[in-house]
Amino acid sequence: MTETSLIGYIAALITTASFLPQTIKTIRTKNTQGLSLFMYIILSSGVFLWLVYGCLIGDMPLIAANAVTLVFALIILGYKIRYK
């Protein structure tokens, strides 16, 4: 693994982990009142496109980060839609 890839994986881990507390809180409380539906729609769309881009260029840190982040964002989006 190159230093560049290592930096990518560390950045991916940190930014992806930032979604974990909100995801856990949303699952536990089912309270999405303070979350913007439009923001999570835009975020999920953008993360999906970053994932596609990562797949097209074969960048594993980009793929890993965006795959996991997309799951977290979609969970929150699903809760936002279900528990209005």
Protein backbone atom coordinates (compact mmCIF):
# COMPACT_ATOMS: atom_id res chain seq x y z
CA MET A 1 0.00 0.00 0.00
CA THR A 2 1.35 3.39 -0.95
CA GLU A 3 1.45 6.42 1.32
CA THR A 4 -1.14 8.05 -0.93
CA SER A 5 -3.53 5.11 -0.52
CA LEU A 6 -2.94 5.07 3.22
CA ILE A 7 -3.86 8.75 3.46
CA GLY A 8 -6.96 8.01 1.37
CA TYR A 9 -8.03 5.17 3.63
CA ILE A 10 -7.48 7.24 6.78
CA ALA A 11 -9.47 10.14 5.31
CA ALA A 12 -12.20 7.69 4.24
CA LEU A 13 -12.37 6.20 7.72
CA ILE A 14 -12.59 9.57 9.45
CA THR A 15 -15.20 11.13 7.15
CA THR A 16 -17.31 7.99 7.02
CA ALA A 17 -17.16 7.58 10.80
CA SER A 18 -18.57 11.09 11.15
CA PHE A 19 -21.95 9.76 9.96
CA LEU A 20 -22.06 6.95 12.49
CA PRO A 21 -23.23 8.96 15.55
CA GLN A 22 -26.15 10.51 13.63
CA THR A 23 -27.10 7.15 12.16
CA ILE A 24 -27.07 5.45 15.57
CA LYS A 25 -29.04 8.29 17.17
CA THR A 26 -31.63 8.22 14.38
CA ILE A 27 -32.07 4.46 14.63
CA ARG A 28 -32.41 4.57 18.42
CA THR A 29 -34.75 7.53 18.70
CA LYS A 30 -36.53 7.44 15.34
CA ASN A 31 -36.52 11.23 15.72
CA THR A 32 -35.67 12.97 12.46
CA GLN A 33 -37.39 16.27 13.18
CA GLY A 34 -34.17 18.29 13.08
CA LEU A 35 -32.90 16.66 9.88
CA SER A 36 -33.48 18.11 6.44
CA LEU A 37 -35.09 15.69 3.98
CA PHE A 38 -33.84 17.71 1.01
CA MET A 39 -30.29 17.74 2.38
CA TYR A 40 -30.23 13.95 2.76
CA ILE A 41 -31.66 13.47 -0.75
CA ILE A 42 -28.91 15.69 -2.17
CA LEU A 43 -26.23 14.10 0.03
CA SER A 44 -27.25 10.55 -0.92
CA SER A 45 -27.27 11.46 -4.61
CA GLY A 46 -23.83 13.06 -4.40
CA VAL A 47 -22.33 10.17 -2.41
CA PHE A 48 -23.79 7.72 -4.93
CA LEU A 49 -22.12 9.61 -7.78
CA TRP A 50 -18.80 9.67 -5.87
CA LEU A 51 -19.16 5.89 -5.48
CA VAL A 52 -19.77 5.47 -9.21
CA TYR A 53 -16.79 7.72 -9.95
CA GLY A 54 -14.60 5.71 -7.57
CA CYS A 55 -15.65 2.49 -9.30
CA LEU A 56 -14.93 3.93 -12.73
CA ILE A 57 -11.40 4.98 -11.80
CA GLY A 58 -10.77 1.98 -9.54
CA ASP A 59 -9.92 3.99 -6.42
CA MET A 60 -10.52 1.67 -3.45
CA PRO A 61 -10.42 4.30 -0.67
CA LEU A 62 -12.98 6.35 -2.59
CA ILE A 63 -15.14 3.27 -3.21
CA ALA A 64 -14.98 2.07 0.40
CA ALA A 65 -15.72 5.46 1.93
CA ASN A 66 -18.63 6.24 -0.32
CA ALA A 67 -20.16 2.76 -0.16
CA VAL A 68 -20.33 2.88 3.63
CA THR A 69 -21.35 6.55 3.74
CA LEU A 70 -24.12 5.85 1.24
CA VAL A 71 -25.49 3.10 3.47
CA PHE A 72 -25.49 5.45 6.48
CA ALA A 73 -27.07 8.31 4.51
CA LEU A 74 -29.75 6.02 3.06
CA ILE A 75 -30.60 4.67 6.51
CA ILE A 76 -31.11 8.20 7.79
CA LEU A 77 -33.04 9.16 4.66
CA GLY A 78 -35.26 6.10 5.05
CA TYR A 79 -35.99 6.97 8.67
CA LYS A 80 -36.66 10.59 7.69
CA ILE A 81 -39.24 9.47 5.13
CA ARG A 82 -40.80 6.80 7.35
CA TYR A 83 -40.97 8.76 10.62
CA LYS A 84 -41.97 12.24 9.43
